[in-house]
Amino acid sequence: MSLEFHRAVEDMEIWSATGDGFSFVITYESPVGAGFHGRAGYVASWRPLYGGNGAIKIGGSAFLTLAEAENACNTMLGHLTGCR
């Protein structure tokens, strides 16, 4: 199953998707300006939908493009669901 990301907040670069009991979020970070601060690029994270656990950053973040971050999330979902 491929995750379908949607813009979670209208005025900010935040995308989210859920699948197979997991939540994925992609944000755009920049060292300066408004929004999330960090290394420039798209940062992806995941967490189980239930249980109140904190998010886990996906290795390789920050990605240069949104498409790369989405691909990393789909790869992580495949890994997580393959472990069941």
PDB file of N, CA and C in Angstrom:
ATOM      1  N   MET A   1       0.834  -1.172   0.000  1.00  0.00           N
ATOM      2  CA  MET A   1       0.000   0.000   0.000  1.00  0.00           C
ATOM      3  C   MET A   1       0.884   1.242   0.000  1.00  0.00           C
ATOM      4  N   SER A   2       0.611   2.157  -0.863  1.00  0.00           N
ATOM      5  CA  SER A   2       1.358   3.402  -0.935  1.00  0.00           C
ATOM      6  C   SER A   2       0.639   4.474  -0.130  1.00  0.00           C
ATOM      7  N   LEU A   3       1.393   5.214   0.653  1.00  0.00           N
ATOM      8  CA  LEU A   3       0.818   6.289   1.450  1.00  0.00           C
ATOM      9  C   LEU A   3       0.378   7.439   0.555  1.00  0.00           C
ATOM     10  N   GLU A   4      -0.735   8.056   0.903  1.00  0.00           N
ATOM     11  CA  GLU A   4      -1.226   9.222   0.171  1.00  0.00           C
ATOM     12  C   GLU A   4      -1.129  10.436   1.096  1.00  0.00           C
ATOM     13  N   PHE A   5      -0.153  11.284   0.843  1.00  0.00           N
ATOM     14  CA  PHE A   5       0.082  12.452   1.688  1.00  0.00           C
ATOM     15  C   PHE A   5      -0.844  13.596   1.306  1.00  0.00           C
ATOM     16  N   HIS A   6      -1.265  14.337   2.313  1.00  0.00           N
ATOM     17  CA  HIS A   6      -2.067  15.540   2.094  1.00  0.00           C
ATOM     18  C   HIS A   6      -1.509  16.657   2.971  1.00  0.00           C
ATOM     19  N   ARG A   7      -1.742  17.868   2.543  1.00  0.00           N
ATOM     20  CA  ARG A   7      -1.273  19.034   3.299  1.00  0.00           C
ATOM     21  C   ARG A   7      -2.077  19.104   4.580  1.00  0.00           C
ATOM     22  N   ALA A   8      -1.403  19.027   5.720  1.00  0.00           N
ATOM     23  CA  ALA A   8      -2.078  18.982   7.012  1.00  0.00           C
ATOM     24  C   ALA A   8      -2.412  20.363   7.554  1.00  0.00           C
ATOM     25  N   VAL A   9      -1.592  21.344   7.223  1.00  0.00           N
ATOM     26  CA  VAL A   9      -1.800  22.716   7.688  1.00  0.00           C
ATOM     27  C   VAL A   9      -1.696  23.617   6.472  1.00  0.00           C
ATOM     28  N   GLU A  10      -2.710  24.422   6.246  1.00  0.00           N
ATOM     29  CA  GLU A  10      -2.801  25.203   5.020  1.00  0.00           C
ATOM     30  C   GLU A  10      -1.625  26.158   4.790  1.00  0.00           C
ATOM     31  N   ASP A  11      -1.200  26.861   5.820  1.00  0.00           N
ATOM     32  CA  ASP A  11      -0.183  27.890   5.642  1.00  0.00           C
ATOM     33  C   ASP A  11       1.233  27.446   6.008  1.00  0.00           C
ATOM     34  N   MET A  12       1.420  26.159   6.246  1.00  0.00           N
ATOM     35  CA  MET A  12       2.753  25.654   6.597  1.00  0.00           C
ATOM     36  C   MET A  12       3.058  24.430   5.745  1.00  0.00           C
ATOM     37  N   GLU A  13       4.310  24.145   5.589  1.00  0.00           N
ATOM     38  CA  GLU A  13       4.721  22.984   4.798  1.00  0.00           C
ATOM     39  C   GLU A  13       4.770  21.752   5.697  1.00  0.00           C
ATOM     40  N   ILE A  14       3.571  21.193   5.925  1.00  0.00           N
ATOM     41  CA  ILE A  14       3.405  19.990   6.731  1.00  0.00           C
ATOM     42  C   ILE A  14       2.468  19.061   5.965  1.00  0.00           C
ATOM     43  N   TRP A  15       2.916  17.844   5.715  1.00  0.00           N
ATOM     44  CA  TRP A  15       2.117  16.834   5.032  1.00  0.00           C
ATOM     45  C   TRP A  15       1.986  15.634   5.948  1.00  0.00           C
ATOM     46  N   SER A  16       0.846  14.941   5.875  1.00  0.00           N
ATOM     47  CA  SER A  16       0.661  13.760   6.696  1.00  0.00           C
ATOM     48  C   SER A  16      -0.051  12.664   5.913  1.00  0.00           C
ATOM     49  N   ALA A  17       0.132  11.454   6.406  1.00  0.00           N
ATOM     50  CA  ALA A  17      -0.521  10.278   5.830  1.00  0.00           C
ATOM     51  C   ALA A  17      -0.577   9.202   6.904  1.00  0.00           C
ATOM     52  N   THR A  18      -1.556   8.313   6.781  1.00  0.00           N
ATOM     53  CA  THR A  18      -1.647   7.178   7.685  1.00  0.00           C
ATOM     54  C   THR A  18      -1.820   5.904   6.871  1.00  0.00           C
ATOM     55  N   GLY A  19      -1.341   4.820   7.430  1.00  0.00           N
ATOM     56  CA  GLY A  19      -1.498   3.530   6.781  1.00  0.00           C
ATOM     57  C   GLY A  19      -1.076   2.400   7.682  1.00  0.00           C
ATOM     58  N   ASP A  20      -1.847   1.331   7.706  1.00  0.00           N
ATOM     59  CA  ASP A  20      -1.536   0.113   8.457  1.00  0.00           C
ATOM     60  C   ASP A  20      -1.184   0.368   9.915  1.00  0.00           C
ATOM     61  N   GLY A  21      -1.874   1.321  10.542  1.00  0.00           N
ATOM     62  CA  GLY A  21      -1.660   1.572  11.959  1.00  0.00           C
ATOM     63  C   GLY A  21      -0.506   2.509  12.278  1.00  0.00           C
ATOM     64  N   PHE A  22       0.021   3.197  11.274  1.00  0.00           N
ATOM     65  CA  PHE A  22       1.135   4.122  11.471  1.00  0.00           C
ATOM     66  C   PHE A  22       0.790   5.500  10.910  1.00  0.00           C
ATOM     67  N   SER A  23       1.333   6.518  11.529  1.00  0.00           N
ATOM     68  CA  SER A  23       1.174   7.891  11.081  1.00  0.00           C
ATOM     69  C   SER A  23       2.536   8.404  10.596  1.00  0.00           C
ATOM     70  N   PHE A  24       2.511   9.089   9.457  1.00  0.00           N
ATOM     71  CA  PHE A  24       3.743   9.655   8.882  1.00  0.00           C
ATOM     72  C   PHE A  24       3.546  11.150   8.680  1.00  0.00           C
ATOM     73  N   VAL A  25       4.578  11.923   8.979  1.00  0.00           N
ATOM     74  CA  VAL A  25       4.537  13.375   8.808  1.00  0.00           C
ATOM     75  C   VAL A  25       5.820  13.821   8.123  1.00  0.00           C
ATOM     76  N   ILE A  26       5.658  14.738   7.171  1.00  0.00           N
ATOM     77  CA  ILE A  26       6.798  15.353   6.493  1.00  0.00           C
ATOM     78  C   ILE A  26       6.679  16.857   6.704  1.00  0.00           C
ATOM     79  N   THR A  27       7.764  17.467   7.145  1.00  0.00           N
ATOM     80  CA  THR A  27       7.805  18.915   7.316  1.00  0.00           C
ATOM     81  C   THR A  27       8.989  19.473   6.545  1.00  0.00           C
ATOM     82  N   TYR A  28       8.882  20.737   6.165  1.00  0.00           N
ATOM     83  CA  TYR A  28      10.021  21.395   5.531  1.00  0.00           C
ATOM     84  C   TYR A  28      10.700  22.258   6.583  1.00  0.00           C
ATOM     85  N   GLU A  29      12.014  22.074   6.726  1.00  0.00           N
ATOM     86  CA  GLU A  29      12.788  22.843   7.686  1.00  0.00           C
ATOM     87  C   GLU A  29      13.795  23.719   6.964  1.00  0.00           C
ATOM     88  N   SER A  30      14.105  24.827   7.599  1.00  0.00           N
ATOM     89  CA  SER A  30      15.076  25.771   7.064  1.00  0.00           C
ATOM     90  C   SER A  30      15.820  26.385   8.248  1.00  0.00           C
ATOM     91  N   PRO A  31      17.109  26.696   8.080  1.00  0.00           N
ATOM     92  CA  PRO A  31      17.844  27.290   9.203  1.00  0.00           C
ATOM     93  C   PRO A  31      17.397  28.715   9.538  1.00  0.00           C
ATOM     94  N   VAL A  32      16.707  29.380   8.625  1.00  0.00           N
ATOM     95  CA  VAL A  32      16.254  30.757   8.857  1.00  0.00           C
ATOM     96  C   VAL A  32      14.806  30.909   8.417  1.00  0.00           C
ATOM     97  N   GLY A  33      14.185  32.005   8.816  1.00  0.00           N
ATOM     98  CA  GLY A  33      12.832  32.302   8.369  1.00  0.00           C
ATOM     99  C   GLY A  33      11.768  31.673   9.251  1.00  0.00           C
ATOM    100  N   ALA A  34      10.532  31.823   8.804  1.00  0.00           N
ATOM    101  CA  ALA A  34       9.387  31.288   9.543  1.00  0.00           C
ATOM    102  C   ALA A  34       9.305  29.778   9.372  1.00  0.00           C
ATOM    103  N   GLY A  35       8.626  29.133  10.283  1.00  0.00           N
ATOM    104  CA  GLY A  35       8.420  27.690  10.184  1.00  0.00           C
ATOM    105  C   GLY A  35       9.393  26.902  11.037  1.00  0.00           C
ATOM    106  N   PHE A  36       9.581  25.652  10.673  1.00  0.00           N
ATOM    107  CA  PHE A  36      10.455  24.754  11.429  1.00  0.00           C
ATOM    108  C   PHE A  36      11.908  25.059  11.118  1.00  0.00           C
ATOM    109  N   HIS A  37      12.734  25.076  12.152  1.00  0.00           N
ATOM    110  CA  HIS A  37      14.151  25.366  11.970  1.00  0.00           C
ATOM    111  C   HIS A  37      14.978  24.092  12.084  1.00  0.00           C
ATOM    112  N   GLY A  38      15.947  23.977  11.218  1.00  0.00           N
ATOM    113  CA  GLY A  38      16.835  22.837  11.172  1.00  0.00           C
ATOM    114  C   GLY A  38      17.583  22.870   9.856  1.00  0.00           C
ATOM    115  N   ARG A  39      18.248  21.783   9.563  1.00  0.00           N
ATOM    116  CA  ARG A  39      18.947  21.661   8.286  1.00  0.00           C
ATOM    117  C   ARG A  39      17.931  21.770   7.155  1.00  0.00           C
ATOM    118  N   ALA A  40      18.230  22.548   6.129  1.00  0.00           N
ATOM    119  CA  ALA A  40      17.269  22.776   5.039  1.00  0.00           C
ATOM    120  C   ALA A  40      16.880  21.468   4.358  1.00  0.00           C
ATOM    121  N   GLY A  41      15.577  21.266   4.207  1.00  0.00           N
ATOM    122  CA  GLY A  41      15.069  20.097   3.507  1.00  0.00           C
ATOM    123  C   GLY A  41      13.822  19.543   4.162  1.00  0.00           C
ATOM    124  N   TYR A  42      13.359  18.422   3.631  1.00  0.00           N
ATOM    125  CA  TYR A  42      12.138  17.761   4.083  1.00  0.00           C
ATOM    126  C   TYR A  42      12.491  16.686   5.097  1.00  0.00           C
ATOM    127  N   VAL A  43      11.927  16.808   6.278  1.00  0.00           N
ATOM    128  CA  VAL A  43      12.186  15.863   7.365  1.00  0.00           C
ATOM    129  C   VAL A  43      10.967  14.966   7.519  1.00  0.00           C
ATOM    130  N   ALA A  44      11.192  13.670   7.530  1.00  0.00           N
ATOM    131  CA  ALA A  44      10.119  12.686   7.625  1.00  0.00           C
ATOM    132  C   ALA A  44      10.205  11.957   8.963  1.00  0.00           C
ATOM    133  N   SER A  45       9.037  11.665   9.535  1.00  0.00           N
ATOM    134  CA  SER A  45       8.989  10.913  10.785  1.00  0.00           C
ATOM    135  C   SER A  45       7.757  10.018  10.795  1.00  0.00           C
ATOM    136  N   TRP A  46       7.769   9.047  11.697  1.00  0.00           N
ATOM    137  CA  TRP A  46       6.650   8.127  11.821  1.00  0.00           C
ATOM    138  C   TRP A  46       6.412   7.799  13.285  1.00  0.00           C
ATOM    139  N   ARG A  47       5.225   7.298  13.569  1.00  0.00           N
ATOM    140  CA  ARG A  47       4.886   6.789  14.895  1.00  0.00           C
ATOM    141  C   ARG A  47       3.681   5.880  14.759  1.00  0.00           C
ATOM    142  N   PRO A  48       3.490   4.961  15.705  1.00  0.00           N
ATOM    143  CA  PRO A  48       2.270   4.164  15.709  1.00  0.00           C
ATOM    144  C   PRO A  48       1.067   5.076  15.939  1.00  0.00           C
ATOM    145  N   LEU A  49      -0.055   4.774  15.305  1.00  0.00           N
ATOM    146  CA  LEU A  49      -1.255   5.592  15.476  1.00  0.00           C
ATOM    147  C   LEU A  49      -1.770   5.556  16.910  1.00  0.00           C
ATOM    148  N   TYR A  50      -1.603   4.430  17.584  1.00  0.00           N
ATOM    149  CA  TYR A  50      -2.159   4.267  18.920  1.00  0.00           C
ATOM    150  C   TYR A  50      -1.041   3.986  19.907  1.00  0.00           C
ATOM    151  N   GLY A  51      -1.207   4.459  21.106  1.00  0.00           N
ATOM    152  CA  GLY A  51      -0.235   4.138  22.147  1.00  0.00           C
ATOM    153  C   GLY A  51       0.500   5.346  22.691  1.00  0.00           C
ATOM    154  N   GLY A  52       0.331   6.518  22.097  1.00  0.00           N
ATOM    155  CA  GLY A  52       0.941   7.724  22.634  1.00  0.00           C
ATOM    156  C   GLY A  52       2.453   7.805  22.512  1.00  0.00           C
ATOM    157  N   ASN A  53       3.040   7.051  21.601  1.00  0.00           N
ATOM    158  CA  ASN A  53       4.487   7.099  21.429  1.00  0.00           C
ATOM    159  C   ASN A  53       4.902   8.351  20.670  1.00  0.00           C
ATOM    160  N   GLY A  54       6.097   8.839  20.946  1.00  0.00           N
ATOM    161  CA  GLY A  54       6.638   9.971  20.212  1.00  0.00           C
ATOM    162  C   GLY A  54       7.046   9.578  18.805  1.00  0.00           C
ATOM    163  N   ALA A  55       7.257  10.576  17.967  1.00  0.00           N
ATOM    164  CA  ALA A  55       7.643  10.337  16.577  1.00  0.00           C
ATOM    165  C   ALA A  55       9.112   9.932  16.481  1.00  0.00           C
ATOM    166  N   ILE A  56       9.412   9.153  15.448  1.00  0.00           N
ATOM    167  CA  ILE A  56      10.775   8.703  15.176  1.00  0.00           C
ATOM    168  C   ILE A  56      11.174   9.242  13.813  1.00  0.00           C
ATOM    169  N   LYS A  57      12.281   9.966  13.787  1.00  0.00           N
ATOM    170  CA  LYS A  57      12.769  10.555  12.540  1.00  0.00           C
ATOM    171  C   LYS A  57      13.288   9.450  11.619  1.00  0.00           C
ATOM    172  N   ILE A  58      12.950   9.550  10.349  1.00  0.00           N
ATOM    173  CA  ILE A  58      13.389   8.564   9.364  1.00  0.00           C
ATOM    174  C   ILE A  58      14.803   8.909   8.923  1.00  0.00           C
ATOM    175  N   GLY A  59      15.672   7.918   8.937  1.00  0.00           N
ATOM    176  CA  GLY A  59      17.060   8.093   8.532  1.00  0.00           C
ATOM    177  C   GLY A  59      17.161   8.663   7.129  1.00  0.00           C
ATOM    178  N   GLY A  60      18.120   9.555   6.935  1.00  0.00           N
ATOM    179  CA  GLY A  60      18.297  10.200   5.646  1.00  0.00           C
ATOM    180  C   GLY A  60      17.708  11.596   5.619  1.00  0.00           C
ATOM    181  N   SER A  61      16.810  11.908   6.589  1.00  0.00           N
ATOM    182  CA  SER A  61      16.236  13.254   6.657  1.00  0.00           C
ATOM    183  C   SER A  61      17.367  14.227   6.989  1.00  0.00           C
ATOM    184  N   ALA A  62      17.438  15.340   6.416  1.00  0.00           N
ATOM    185  CA  ALA A  62      16.514  16.045   5.575  1.00  0.00           C
ATOM    186  C   ALA A  62      16.742  15.693   4.096  1.00  0.00           C
ATOM    187  N   PHE A  63      15.619  15.473   3.397  1.00  0.00           N
ATOM    188  CA  PHE A  63      15.645  15.111   1.992  1.00  0.00           C
ATOM    189  C   PHE A  63      15.557  16.377   1.138  1.00  0.00           C
ATOM    190  N   LEU A  64      16.111  16.306  -0.065  1.00  0.00           N
ATOM    191  CA  LEU A  64      16.103  17.470  -0.946  1.00  0.00           C
ATOM    192  C   LEU A  64      14.726  17.780  -1.505  1.00  0.00           C
ATOM    193  N   THR A  65      13.920  16.744  -1.757  1.00  0.00           N
ATOM    194  CA  THR A  65      12.604  16.963  -2.359  1.00  0.00           C
ATOM    195  C   THR A  65      11.520  16.264  -1.536  1.00  0.00           C
ATOM    196  N   LEU A  66      10.292  16.736  -1.714  1.00  0.00           N
ATOM    197  CA  LEU A  66       9.152  16.105  -1.065  1.00  0.00           C
ATOM    198  C   LEU A  66       8.996  14.666  -1.560  1.00  0.00           C
ATOM    199  N   ALA A  67       9.228  14.436  -2.835  1.00  0.00           N
ATOM    200  CA  ALA A  67       9.104  13.086  -3.408  1.00  0.00           C
ATOM    201  C   ALA A  67      10.081  12.111  -2.742  1.00  0.00           C
ATOM    202  N   GLU A  68      11.296  12.554  -2.450  1.00  0.00           N
ATOM    203  CA  GLU A  68      12.274  11.691  -1.767  1.00  0.00           C
ATOM    204  C   GLU A  68      11.799  11.355  -0.353  1.00  0.00           C
ATOM    205  N   ALA A  69      11.223  12.341   0.331  1.00  0.00           N
ATOM    206  CA  ALA A  69      10.707  12.106   1.679  1.00  0.00           C
ATOM    207  C   ALA A  69       9.525  11.143   1.653  1.00  0.00           C
ATOM    208  N   GLU A  70       8.627  11.304   0.671  1.00  0.00           N
ATOM    209  CA  GLU A  70       7.494  10.389   0.529  1.00  0.00           C
ATOM    210  C   GLU A  70       7.977   8.969   0.270  1.00  0.00           C
ATOM    211  N   ASN A  71       8.964   8.822  -0.589  1.00  0.00           N
ATOM    212  CA  ASN A  71       9.525   7.507  -0.890  1.00  0.00           C
ATOM    213  C   ASN A  71      10.119   6.869   0.367  1.00  0.00           C
ATOM    214  N   ALA A  72      10.811   7.661   1.164  1.00  0.00           N
ATOM    215  CA  ALA A  72      11.398   7.146   2.406  1.00  0.00           C
ATOM    216  C   ALA A  72      10.299   6.674   3.361  1.00  0.00           C
ATOM    217  N   CYS A  73       9.206   7.406   3.427  1.00  0.00           N
ATOM    218  CA  CYS A  73       8.081   7.003   4.280  1.00  0.00           C
ATOM    219  C   CYS A  73       7.462   5.695   3.797  1.00  0.00           C
ATOM    220  N   ASN A  74       7.275   5.563   2.494  1.00  0.00           N
ATOM    221  CA  ASN A  74       6.724   4.323   1.943  1.00  0.00           C
ATOM    222  C   ASN A  74       7.654   3.144   2.186  1.00  0.00           C
ATOM    223  N   THR A  75       8.949   3.371   2.074  1.00  0.00           N
ATOM    224  CA  THR A  75       9.925   2.320   2.357  1.00  0.00           C
ATOM    225  C   THR A  75       9.856   1.915   3.821  1.00  0.00           C
ATOM    226  N   MET A  76       9.753   2.897   4.713  1.00  0.00           N
ATOM    227  CA  MET A  76       9.660   2.610   6.146  1.00  0.00           C
ATOM    228  C   MET A  76       8.380   1.853   6.455  1.00  0.00           C
ATOM    229  N   LEU A  77       7.250   2.241   5.834  1.00  0.00           N
ATOM    230  CA  LEU A  77       5.997   1.522   6.056  1.00  0.00           C
ATOM    231  C   LEU A  77       6.149   0.057   5.636  1.00  0.00           C
ATOM    232  N   GLY A  78       6.791  -0.173   4.506  1.00  0.00           N
ATOM    233  CA  GLY A  78       7.028  -1.548   4.068  1.00  0.00           C
ATOM    234  C   GLY A  78       7.863  -2.330   5.070  1.00  0.00           C
ATOM    235  N   HIS A  79       8.864  -1.688   5.623  1.00  0.00           N
ATOM    236  CA  HIS A  79       9.705  -2.341   6.630  1.00  0.00           C
ATOM    237  C   HIS A  79       8.891  -2.632   7.895  1.00  0.00           C
ATOM    238  N   LEU A  80       8.117  -1.649   8.337  1.00  0.00           N
ATOM    239  CA  LEU A  80       7.325  -1.825   9.569  1.00  0.00           C
ATOM    240  C   LEU A  80       6.275  -2.906   9.433  1.00  0.00           C
ATOM    241  N   THR A  81       5.596  -2.954   8.301  1.00  0.00           N
ATOM    242  CA  THR A  81       4.541  -3.953   8.118  1.00  0.00           C
ATOM    243  C   THR A  81       5.108  -5.325   7.781  1.00  0.00           C
ATOM    244  N   GLY A  82       6.320  -5.364   7.250  1.00  0.00           N
ATOM    245  CA  GLY A  82       6.967  -6.647   6.973  1.00  0.00           C
ATOM    246  C   GLY A  82       7.455  -7.330   8.224  1.00  0.00           C
ATOM    247  N   CYS A  83       7.578  -6.585   9.306  1.00  0.00           N
ATOM    248  CA  CYS A  83       8.076  -7.127  10.574  1.00  0.00           C
ATOM    249  C   CYS A  83       6.971  -7.755  11.408  1.00  0.00           C
ATOM    250  N   ARG A  84       5.724  -7.628  10.969  1.00  0.00           N
ATOM    251  CA  ARG A  84       4.597  -8.172  11.746  1.00  0.00           C
ATOM    252  C   ARG A  84       4.493  -9.652  11.595  1.00  0.00           C
TER     253      ARG A  84
END
